[in-house]
Amino acid sequence: MTTTATTTIACPDWCTTRHDIDPDGGHDGPSWPDVPSVRGTGWHAVQISTGDWDEHGTVVHLEAQSLNLTPEQARAAGLALLSAASWAKDHQVSA
């Protein structure tokens, strides 16, 4: 006989984390489409997402490593970052 415990995790209504796969995961929020650099997508892209970080509440995650962007790509990345920051401010979870 096997007994399994069911754990209920209180999530904000915006949480997209698959807690059935990652029960100890935080709370991932939305992410924005990657902005490719002049070298293309994948590692060569600006990635922006949001979520809950225990120490700081709702945060914006930015990943962009030594990229070269055209002015249009830089503008798209800047607008996405501004949009993510606005979303995070409107959906704050206390630390």
Protein backbone atom coordinates (compact mmCIF):
# COMPACT_ATOMS: atom_id res chain seq x y z
CA MET A 1 0.00 0.00 0.00
CA THR A 2 1.38 3.40 -0.99
CA THR A 3 0.24 6.61 0.59
CA THR A 4 0.90 9.92 -1.10
CA ALA A 5 0.51 13.31 0.44
CA THR A 6 -1.15 16.10 -1.48
CA THR A 7 0.36 19.51 -0.99
CA THR A 8 -1.57 22.62 -1.83
CA ILE A 9 0.53 25.61 -2.81
CA ALA A 10 -1.05 29.05 -2.51
CA CYS A 11 -0.27 30.73 -5.81
CA PRO A 12 -0.99 34.24 -7.05
CA ASP A 13 -3.60 34.15 -9.82
CA TRP A 14 -0.87 34.91 -12.38
CA CYS A 15 1.41 31.96 -11.46
CA THR A 16 2.42 29.81 -14.45
CA THR A 17 4.73 27.43 -12.57
CA ARG A 18 3.97 23.72 -13.05
CA HIS A 19 3.98 22.81 -9.34
CA ASP A 20 3.05 19.23 -10.23
CA ILE A 21 6.49 19.00 -11.89
CA ASP A 22 8.39 21.42 -9.61
CA PRO A 23 6.65 21.36 -6.21
CA ASP A 24 9.28 23.57 -4.57
CA GLY A 25 9.42 26.05 -7.45
CA GLY A 26 8.67 29.69 -6.97
CA HIS A 27 5.93 31.51 -8.81
CA ASP A 28 6.76 32.26 -12.43
CA GLY A 29 4.83 35.07 -14.05
CA PRO A 30 4.52 35.94 -17.70
CA SER A 31 7.48 36.26 -20.03
CA TRP A 32 7.89 38.44 -23.07
CA PRO A 33 8.97 37.25 -26.52
CA ASP A 34 12.74 37.03 -26.86
CA VAL A 35 14.36 39.88 -28.77
CA PRO A 36 17.04 38.39 -31.04
CA SER A 37 20.42 40.09 -31.41
CA VAL A 38 22.14 40.57 -34.75
CA ARG A 39 23.40 36.97 -34.31
CA GLY A 40 19.91 35.46 -34.09
CA THR A 41 17.89 33.82 -31.32
CA GLY A 42 18.84 31.34 -28.61
CA TRP A 43 21.81 32.42 -26.53
CA HIS A 44 21.92 35.56 -28.63
CA ALA A 45 18.71 37.15 -27.44
CA VAL A 46 17.30 39.40 -24.75
CA GLN A 47 15.03 37.35 -22.49
CA ILE A 48 12.62 39.04 -20.07
CA SER A 49 10.32 37.35 -17.57
CA THR A 50 8.69 37.99 -14.20
CA GLY A 51 8.09 36.04 -11.05
CA ASP A 52 8.19 35.93 -7.28
CA TRP A 53 11.53 35.88 -5.49
CA ASP A 54 11.39 35.16 -1.75
CA GLU A 55 13.71 37.99 -0.74
CA HIS A 56 12.26 40.72 -2.94
CA GLY A 57 8.68 39.83 -3.83
CA THR A 58 7.67 40.22 -7.48
CA VAL A 59 10.66 40.81 -9.73
CA VAL A 60 11.66 41.20 -13.37
CA HIS A 61 14.27 38.78 -14.69
CA LEU A 62 16.49 40.08 -17.50
CA GLU A 63 18.96 37.93 -19.37
CA ALA A 64 21.15 39.56 -22.00
CA GLN A 65 24.79 38.59 -22.28
CA SER A 66 27.10 40.80 -24.31
CA LEU A 67 24.71 41.31 -27.21
CA ASN A 68 24.92 43.51 -30.25
CA LEU A 69 21.51 44.94 -31.10
CA THR A 70 20.33 47.08 -33.96
CA PRO A 71 18.55 50.26 -32.87
CA GLU A 72 15.22 48.55 -33.62
CA GLN A 73 16.16 45.49 -31.54
CA ALA A 74 17.34 47.69 -28.67
CA ARG A 75 14.07 49.62 -28.77
CA ALA A 76 12.03 46.39 -28.74
CA ALA A 77 14.04 45.10 -25.76
CA GLY A 78 13.64 48.39 -23.92
CA LEU A 79 9.89 48.47 -24.46
CA ALA A 80 9.56 44.84 -23.33
CA LEU A 81 11.57 45.59 -20.19
CA LEU A 82 9.40 48.62 -19.43
CA SER A 83 6.26 46.52 -19.95
CA ALA A 84 7.60 43.79 -17.62
CA ALA A 85 8.46 46.38 -14.95
CA SER A 86 4.96 47.84 -15.13
CA TRP A 87 3.41 44.36 -14.89
CA ALA A 88 5.59 43.47 -11.89
CA LYS A 89 4.67 46.69 -10.09
CA ASP A 90 0.96 46.05 -10.68
CA HIS A 91 1.22 42.42 -9.47
CA GLN A 92 3.48 42.79 -6.45
CA VAL A 93 3.71 40.03 -3.92
CA SER A 94 5.21 41.03 -0.59
CA ALA A 95 8.64 39.65 0.20
